[in-house]
Amino acid sequence: MANFRIYKDSKGEYRWRFRANNNEIVADSAEGYKNKADCEGGIKIVKEQASTATTTDETAASASKSY
């Protein structure tokens, strides 16, 4: 089952990873959080906004397409 996993990095900061059903990492927090609650807040934002997010293709061949 896909899930978010919270862990501490080498600096002792909280980070999250999202793993797909095949256990591969498909997204991560890209930044560390000093507080676990802030890390959990980042996960909450992704959960709330991902379902309505659009996709913009920024490759040279179709730079103006939005999905």
N, C-alpha and C. Protein backbone atom coordinates (compact mmCIF):
# COMPACT_ATOMS: atom_id res chain seq x y z
N MET A 1 0.83 -1.17 0.00
CA MET A 1 0.00 0.00 0.00
C MET A 1 0.89 1.25 0.00
N ALA A 2 0.53 2.22 -0.81
CA ALA A 2 1.28 3.48 -0.85
C ALA A 2 1.18 4.17 0.50
N ASN A 3 2.27 4.86 0.88
CA ASN A 3 2.24 5.55 2.17
C ASN A 3 3.31 6.62 2.26
N PHE A 4 3.10 7.54 3.20
CA PHE A 4 4.08 8.54 3.56
C PHE A 4 4.88 7.98 4.73
N ARG A 5 6.18 8.20 4.71
CA ARG A 5 7.04 7.77 5.81
C ARG A 5 7.84 8.97 6.30
N ILE A 6 7.77 9.21 7.60
CA ILE A 6 8.53 10.29 8.23
C ILE A 6 9.80 9.68 8.81
N TYR A 7 10.91 10.38 8.61
CA TYR A 7 12.19 9.93 9.15
C TYR A 7 13.04 11.13 9.53
N LYS A 8 14.12 10.89 10.23
CA LYS A 8 15.08 11.96 10.56
C LYS A 8 16.30 11.82 9.66
N ASP A 9 16.76 12.95 9.15
CA ASP A 9 17.94 12.94 8.29
C ASP A 9 19.22 13.05 9.13
N SER A 10 20.36 13.16 8.48
CA SER A 10 21.65 13.20 9.17
C SER A 10 21.83 14.44 10.04
N LYS A 11 21.03 15.48 9.79
CA LYS A 11 21.08 16.70 10.60
C LYS A 11 20.09 16.65 11.77
N GLY A 12 19.34 15.54 11.85
CA GLY A 12 18.34 15.41 12.90
C GLY A 12 17.02 16.09 12.58
N GLU A 13 16.85 16.49 11.31
CA GLU A 13 15.60 17.13 10.90
C GLU A 13 14.62 16.09 10.36
N TYR A 14 13.34 16.42 10.47
CA TYR A 14 12.29 15.52 9.99
C TYR A 14 12.08 15.72 8.50
N ARG A 15 11.89 14.62 7.81
CA ARG A 15 11.59 14.62 6.38
C ARG A 15 10.55 13.55 6.11
N TRP A 16 9.91 13.64 4.94
CA TRP A 16 8.98 12.59 4.55
C TRP A 16 9.32 12.07 3.16
N ARG A 17 8.92 10.84 2.95
CA ARG A 17 9.01 10.19 1.64
C ARG A 17 7.65 9.58 1.35
N PHE A 18 7.24 9.66 0.08
CA PHE A 18 6.02 8.97 -0.34
C PHE A 18 6.44 7.78 -1.16
N ARG A 19 6.01 6.61 -0.74
CA ARG A 19 6.34 5.37 -1.44
C ARG A 19 5.09 4.82 -2.13
N ALA A 20 5.25 4.42 -3.38
CA ALA A 20 4.15 3.85 -4.17
C ALA A 20 3.88 2.41 -3.70
N ASN A 21 2.87 1.81 -4.29
CA ASN A 21 2.51 0.43 -3.94
C ASN A 21 3.67 -0.55 -4.10
N ASN A 22 4.58 -0.27 -5.04
CA ASN A 22 5.72 -1.16 -5.27
C ASN A 22 6.91 -0.81 -4.35
N ASN A 23 6.68 0.08 -3.39
CA ASN A 23 7.66 0.50 -2.38
C ASN A 23 8.73 1.45 -2.93
N GLU A 24 8.59 1.89 -4.17
CA GLU A 24 9.53 2.85 -4.74
C GLU A 24 9.18 4.26 -4.24
N ILE A 25 10.21 5.06 -3.97
CA ILE A 25 10.01 6.45 -3.57
C ILE A 25 9.62 7.25 -4.81
N VAL A 26 8.45 7.91 -4.77
CA VAL A 26 8.00 8.70 -5.90
C VAL A 26 7.95 10.19 -5.58
N ALA A 27 8.09 10.55 -4.31
CA ALA A 27 8.14 11.96 -3.90
C ALA A 27 8.79 12.06 -2.54
N ASP A 28 9.37 13.23 -2.27
CA ASP A 28 9.94 13.47 -0.94
C ASP A 28 9.79 14.93 -0.57
N SER A 29 10.08 15.24 0.68
CA SER A 29 9.86 16.58 1.19
C SER A 29 10.83 17.61 0.62
N ALA A 30 11.96 17.21 0.13
CA ALA A 30 12.97 18.10 -0.46
C ALA A 30 13.55 19.10 0.53
N GLU A 31 13.08 19.08 1.75
CA GLU A 31 13.64 19.94 2.79
C GLU A 31 13.43 19.27 4.14
N GLY A 32 14.26 19.65 5.09
CA GLY A 32 14.12 19.13 6.44
C GLY A 32 13.31 20.09 7.29
N TYR A 33 12.62 19.55 8.27
CA TYR A 33 11.82 20.34 9.20
C TYR A 33 12.36 20.14 10.61
N LYS A 34 12.51 21.20 11.35
CA LYS A 34 12.99 21.10 12.72
C LYS A 34 11.95 20.47 13.63
N ASN A 35 10.66 20.70 13.30
CA ASN A 35 9.57 20.17 14.11
C ASN A 35 8.81 19.09 13.35
N LYS A 36 8.50 18.00 14.05
CA LYS A 36 7.74 16.92 13.43
C LYS A 36 6.38 17.41 12.95
N ALA A 37 5.75 18.29 13.71
CA ALA A 37 4.43 18.81 13.33
C ALA A 37 4.49 19.54 11.99
N ASP A 38 5.57 20.26 11.73
CA ASP A 38 5.73 20.95 10.45
C ASP A 38 5.87 19.94 9.31
N CYS A 39 6.58 18.86 9.56
CA CYS A 39 6.73 17.80 8.56
C CYS A 39 5.36 17.17 8.27
N GLU A 40 4.60 16.89 9.31
CA GLU A 40 3.26 16.34 9.13
C GLU A 40 2.37 17.34 8.38
N GLY A 41 2.58 18.62 8.61
CA GLY A 41 1.84 19.65 7.88
C GLY A 41 2.15 19.62 6.40
N GLY A 42 3.42 19.38 6.05
CA GLY A 42 3.80 19.26 4.65
C GLY A 42 3.09 18.10 3.98
N ILE A 43 2.99 16.98 4.68
CA ILE A 43 2.26 15.81 4.16
C ILE A 43 0.80 16.18 3.95
N LYS A 44 0.21 16.87 4.91
CA LYS A 44 -1.19 17.26 4.82
C LYS A 44 -1.45 18.12 3.58
N ILE A 45 -0.55 19.06 3.32
CA ILE A 45 -0.69 19.93 2.14
C ILE A 45 -0.67 19.11 0.86
N VAL A 46 0.26 18.17 0.76
CA VAL A 46 0.35 17.33 -0.43
C VAL A 46 -0.94 16.54 -0.60
N LYS A 47 -1.42 15.94 0.47
CA LYS A 47 -2.66 15.15 0.40
C LYS A 47 -3.84 16.00 -0.05
N GLU A 48 -3.95 17.20 0.46
CA GLU A 48 -5.08 18.07 0.14
C GLU A 48 -5.02 18.62 -1.28
N GLN A 49 -3.83 18.95 -1.75
CA GLN A 49 -3.72 19.66 -3.02
C GLN A 49 -3.40 18.78 -4.22
N ALA A 50 -2.87 17.59 -4.01
CA ALA A 50 -2.45 16.75 -5.13
C ALA A 50 -3.62 16.32 -6.02
N SER A 51 -4.76 16.06 -5.43
CA SER A 51 -5.89 15.56 -6.22
C SER A 51 -6.43 16.58 -7.22
N THR A 52 -6.19 17.86 -6.97
CA THR A 52 -6.68 18.90 -7.88
C THR A 52 -5.56 19.62 -8.63
N ALA A 53 -4.34 19.17 -8.43
CA ALA A 53 -3.19 19.83 -9.07
C ALA A 53 -3.21 19.58 -10.58
N THR A 54 -2.79 20.59 -11.33
CA THR A 54 -2.67 20.44 -12.78
C THR A 54 -1.23 20.06 -13.12
N THR A 55 -1.03 19.66 -14.35
CA THR A 55 0.30 19.33 -14.83
C THR A 55 0.66 20.29 -15.94
N THR A 56 1.82 20.91 -15.85
CA THR A 56 2.31 21.80 -16.91
C THR A 56 3.54 21.15 -17.52
N ASP A 57 3.51 20.93 -18.82
CA ASP A 57 4.62 20.33 -19.53
C ASP A 57 5.58 21.44 -19.95
N GLU A 58 6.74 21.49 -19.35
CA GLU A 58 7.71 22.56 -19.61
C GLU A 58 8.84 22.11 -20.55
N THR A 59 8.65 21.00 -21.24
CA THR A 59 9.67 20.57 -22.19
C THR A 59 9.59 21.46 -23.43
N ALA A 60 10.67 21.54 -24.16
CA ALA A 60 10.79 22.46 -25.30
C ALA A 60 9.71 22.24 -26.34
N ALA A 61 9.34 21.00 -26.62
CA ALA A 61 8.39 20.72 -27.69
C ALA A 61 6.97 21.18 -27.38
N SER A 62 6.64 21.24 -26.12
CA SER A 62 5.24 21.61 -25.78
C SER A 62 5.21 22.52 -24.55
N ALA A 63 6.00 23.56 -24.57
CA ALA A 63 6.15 24.44 -23.40
C ALA A 63 4.86 25.12 -22.97
N SER A 64 3.89 25.22 -23.84
CA SER A 64 2.67 25.95 -23.47
C SER A 64 1.51 25.04 -23.09
N LYS A 65 1.67 23.72 -23.12
CA LYS A 65 0.57 22.81 -22.81
C LYS A 65 0.39 22.69 -21.30
N SER A 66 -0.86 22.71 -20.89
CA SER A 66 -1.23 22.50 -19.51
C SER A 66 -2.29 21.41 -19.49
N TYR A 67 -2.22 20.52 -18.53
CA TYR A 67 -3.17 19.42 -18.45
C TYR A 67 -4.07 19.59 -17.26
